[in-house]
N, C-alpha and C. Protein backbone atom coordinates (compact mmCIF):
# COMPACT_ATOMS: atom_id res chain seq x y z
N UNK A 1 -6.23 -207.90 33.78
CA UNK A 1 -6.44 -208.70 32.60
C UNK A 1 -7.58 -209.69 32.81
N UNK A 2 -7.62 -210.29 33.99
CA UNK A 2 -8.69 -211.24 34.27
C UNK A 2 -10.05 -210.57 34.18
N UNK A 3 -10.15 -209.38 34.76
CA UNK A 3 -11.42 -208.66 34.73
C UNK A 3 -11.81 -208.31 33.30
N UNK A 4 -10.83 -207.87 32.52
CA UNK A 4 -11.12 -207.48 31.14
C UNK A 4 -11.63 -208.66 30.32
N UNK A 5 -11.08 -209.85 30.55
CA UNK A 5 -11.46 -211.03 29.77
C UNK A 5 -12.49 -211.90 30.48
N UNK A 6 -12.92 -211.46 31.66
CA UNK A 6 -13.91 -212.19 32.46
C UNK A 6 -13.49 -213.64 32.69
N UNK A 7 -12.23 -213.83 33.11
CA UNK A 7 -11.69 -215.15 33.42
C UNK A 7 -10.95 -215.10 34.75
N UNK A 8 -10.67 -216.24 35.30
CA UNK A 8 -9.90 -216.32 36.53
C UNK A 8 -8.79 -217.34 36.33
N UNK A 9 -7.55 -216.93 36.57
CA UNK A 9 -6.42 -217.83 36.46
C UNK A 9 -6.21 -218.58 37.77
N UNK A 10 -5.69 -219.77 37.67
CA UNK A 10 -5.38 -220.57 38.85
C UNK A 10 -4.11 -220.03 39.50
N UNK A 11 -3.89 -220.36 40.77
CA UNK A 11 -2.63 -219.95 41.40
C UNK A 11 -1.41 -220.47 40.63
N UNK A 12 -1.52 -221.67 40.06
CA UNK A 12 -0.41 -222.22 39.28
C UNK A 12 -0.14 -221.40 38.02
N UNK A 13 -1.19 -220.93 37.37
CA UNK A 13 -1.02 -220.09 36.18
C UNK A 13 -0.38 -218.75 36.55
N UNK A 14 -0.82 -218.18 37.67
CA UNK A 14 -0.24 -216.91 38.11
C UNK A 14 1.24 -217.09 38.45
N UNK A 15 1.56 -218.19 39.14
CA UNK A 15 2.96 -218.45 39.50
C UNK A 15 3.80 -218.62 38.24
N UNK A 16 3.29 -219.36 37.26
CA UNK A 16 4.03 -219.55 36.01
C UNK A 16 4.29 -218.22 35.34
N UNK A 17 3.29 -217.36 35.34
CA UNK A 17 3.45 -216.03 34.75
C UNK A 17 4.57 -215.26 35.44
N UNK A 18 4.55 -215.28 36.77
CA UNK A 18 5.55 -214.51 37.52
C UNK A 18 6.95 -215.11 37.39
N UNK A 19 7.03 -216.42 37.35
CA UNK A 19 8.35 -217.06 37.32
C UNK A 19 8.93 -217.17 35.92
N UNK A 20 8.09 -217.41 34.93
CA UNK A 20 8.58 -217.67 33.59
C UNK A 20 8.69 -216.42 32.73
N UNK A 21 7.72 -215.53 32.88
CA UNK A 21 7.74 -214.35 32.03
C UNK A 21 7.58 -214.75 30.57
N UNK A 22 8.20 -214.01 29.68
CA UNK A 22 8.09 -214.28 28.25
C UNK A 22 8.98 -215.46 27.90
N UNK A 23 8.37 -216.62 27.70
CA UNK A 23 9.11 -217.84 27.43
C UNK A 23 8.45 -218.59 26.30
N UNK A 24 9.17 -218.82 25.20
CA UNK A 24 8.58 -219.52 24.06
C UNK A 24 8.04 -220.91 24.40
N UNK A 25 8.57 -221.54 25.44
CA UNK A 25 8.13 -222.89 25.78
C UNK A 25 6.74 -222.93 26.40
N UNK A 26 6.21 -221.79 26.81
CA UNK A 26 4.86 -221.77 27.36
C UNK A 26 3.86 -222.05 26.24
N UNK A 27 2.69 -222.49 26.59
CA UNK A 27 1.73 -222.98 25.59
C UNK A 27 0.85 -221.92 24.94
N UNK A 28 1.19 -220.67 25.07
CA UNK A 28 0.41 -219.62 24.44
C UNK A 28 -0.74 -219.10 25.29
N UNK A 29 -0.89 -219.62 26.50
CA UNK A 29 -1.94 -219.15 27.39
C UNK A 29 -1.45 -218.10 28.37
N UNK A 30 -0.23 -217.67 28.21
CA UNK A 30 0.37 -216.70 29.13
C UNK A 30 0.89 -215.51 28.33
N UNK A 31 0.99 -214.40 29.01
CA UNK A 31 1.55 -213.22 28.39
C UNK A 31 2.33 -212.44 29.44
N UNK A 32 3.19 -211.57 28.99
CA UNK A 32 3.96 -210.74 29.89
C UNK A 32 3.66 -209.29 29.54
N UNK A 33 3.35 -208.51 30.55
CA UNK A 33 3.11 -207.09 30.31
C UNK A 33 3.51 -206.33 31.56
N UNK A 34 3.78 -205.08 31.38
CA UNK A 34 4.15 -204.24 32.51
C UNK A 34 5.30 -203.33 32.14
N UNK A 35 5.66 -202.50 33.07
CA UNK A 35 6.73 -201.53 32.85
C UNK A 35 7.44 -201.30 34.17
N UNK A 36 8.74 -201.32 34.12
CA UNK A 36 9.53 -201.02 35.32
C UNK A 36 9.65 -199.51 35.40
N UNK A 37 9.12 -198.93 36.48
CA UNK A 37 9.19 -197.48 36.63
C UNK A 37 10.29 -197.07 37.60
N UNK A 38 10.76 -198.02 38.40
CA UNK A 38 11.95 -197.80 39.23
C UNK A 38 12.51 -199.17 39.58
N UNK A 39 13.79 -199.23 39.84
CA UNK A 39 14.42 -200.49 40.20
C UNK A 39 14.99 -201.27 39.03
N UNK A 40 15.27 -200.59 37.92
CA UNK A 40 15.79 -201.28 36.75
C UNK A 40 17.10 -202.01 37.05
N UNK A 41 17.91 -201.47 37.97
CA UNK A 41 19.16 -202.15 38.32
C UNK A 41 18.89 -203.52 38.92
N UNK A 42 17.82 -203.65 39.69
CA UNK A 42 17.44 -204.94 40.26
C UNK A 42 16.99 -205.89 39.15
N UNK A 43 16.22 -205.39 38.21
CA UNK A 43 15.78 -206.22 37.08
C UNK A 43 17.00 -206.73 36.31
N UNK A 44 17.95 -205.87 36.07
CA UNK A 44 19.17 -206.27 35.37
C UNK A 44 19.93 -207.33 36.15
N UNK A 45 19.95 -207.20 37.46
CA UNK A 45 20.62 -208.17 38.32
C UNK A 45 19.92 -209.54 38.25
N UNK A 46 18.60 -209.53 38.25
CA UNK A 46 17.83 -210.77 38.13
C UNK A 46 18.14 -211.44 36.78
N UNK A 47 18.28 -210.65 35.76
CA UNK A 47 18.57 -211.17 34.42
C UNK A 47 19.89 -211.94 34.36
N UNK A 48 20.80 -211.66 35.27
CA UNK A 48 22.11 -212.31 35.28
C UNK A 48 22.15 -213.60 36.12
N UNK A 49 21.04 -213.95 36.76
CA UNK A 49 20.99 -215.13 37.61
C UNK A 49 21.21 -216.40 36.77
N UNK A 50 21.96 -217.34 37.32
CA UNK A 50 22.22 -218.60 36.63
C UNK A 50 20.94 -219.43 36.61
N UNK A 51 20.64 -220.02 35.44
CA UNK A 51 19.43 -220.81 35.26
C UNK A 51 19.77 -222.23 34.82
N UNK A 52 18.77 -223.11 34.90
CA UNK A 52 18.98 -224.49 34.45
C UNK A 52 18.65 -224.61 32.97
N UNK A 53 18.59 -225.84 32.47
CA UNK A 53 18.34 -226.08 31.04
C UNK A 53 16.95 -225.65 30.60
N UNK A 54 16.04 -225.46 31.55
CA UNK A 54 14.69 -224.98 31.22
C UNK A 54 14.55 -223.48 31.45
N UNK A 55 15.67 -222.80 31.64
CA UNK A 55 15.72 -221.35 31.87
C UNK A 55 15.07 -220.95 33.19
N UNK A 56 15.07 -221.87 34.14
CA UNK A 56 14.54 -221.62 35.49
C UNK A 56 15.70 -221.30 36.40
N UNK A 57 15.60 -220.23 37.20
CA UNK A 57 16.70 -219.90 38.12
C UNK A 57 17.01 -221.07 39.05
N UNK A 58 18.30 -221.28 39.34
CA UNK A 58 18.70 -222.35 40.24
C UNK A 58 18.21 -222.07 41.66
N UNK A 59 18.13 -220.81 42.03
CA UNK A 59 17.58 -220.41 43.33
C UNK A 59 16.35 -219.54 43.05
N UNK A 60 15.28 -219.75 43.83
CA UNK A 60 14.08 -218.95 43.65
C UNK A 60 14.36 -217.46 43.84
N UNK A 61 13.70 -216.66 43.05
CA UNK A 61 13.76 -215.21 43.17
C UNK A 61 12.39 -214.76 43.64
N UNK A 62 12.33 -214.09 44.76
CA UNK A 62 11.05 -213.65 45.32
C UNK A 62 10.91 -212.14 45.23
N UNK A 63 9.74 -211.71 44.86
CA UNK A 63 9.42 -210.29 44.86
C UNK A 63 8.94 -209.95 46.26
N UNK A 64 9.68 -209.08 46.95
CA UNK A 64 9.32 -208.71 48.32
C UNK A 64 8.22 -207.65 48.35
N UNK A 65 8.22 -206.79 47.36
CA UNK A 65 7.16 -205.79 47.29
C UNK A 65 7.03 -205.29 45.86
N UNK A 66 5.85 -204.83 45.55
CA UNK A 66 5.59 -204.24 44.23
C UNK A 66 4.35 -203.38 44.36
N UNK A 67 4.14 -202.57 43.37
CA UNK A 67 2.96 -201.72 43.37
C UNK A 67 2.39 -201.66 41.96
N UNK A 68 1.10 -201.67 41.87
CA UNK A 68 0.43 -201.49 40.59
C UNK A 68 0.08 -200.02 40.48
N UNK A 69 0.60 -199.38 39.46
CA UNK A 69 0.40 -197.95 39.28
C UNK A 69 -0.46 -197.73 38.04
N UNK A 70 -1.59 -197.08 38.21
CA UNK A 70 -2.45 -196.78 37.07
C UNK A 70 -2.05 -195.43 36.50
N UNK A 71 -1.96 -195.38 35.19
CA UNK A 71 -1.61 -194.12 34.53
C UNK A 71 -2.83 -193.44 34.01
């Protein structure tokens, strides 16, 4: 996306994207895109994590590995 729009996001913007995902409280400068091609059970498990009043998980969730697959 950065290459397509000829922009560079800060590490803080990237972190917000990864941690917040699609969240109405964001200021409109972020978007969520992608497709889960395997591991949907893990995604469902993450969805059940307890969050605070700002919809932030009480414990950090870290992605240990991922792959970008071009179609």
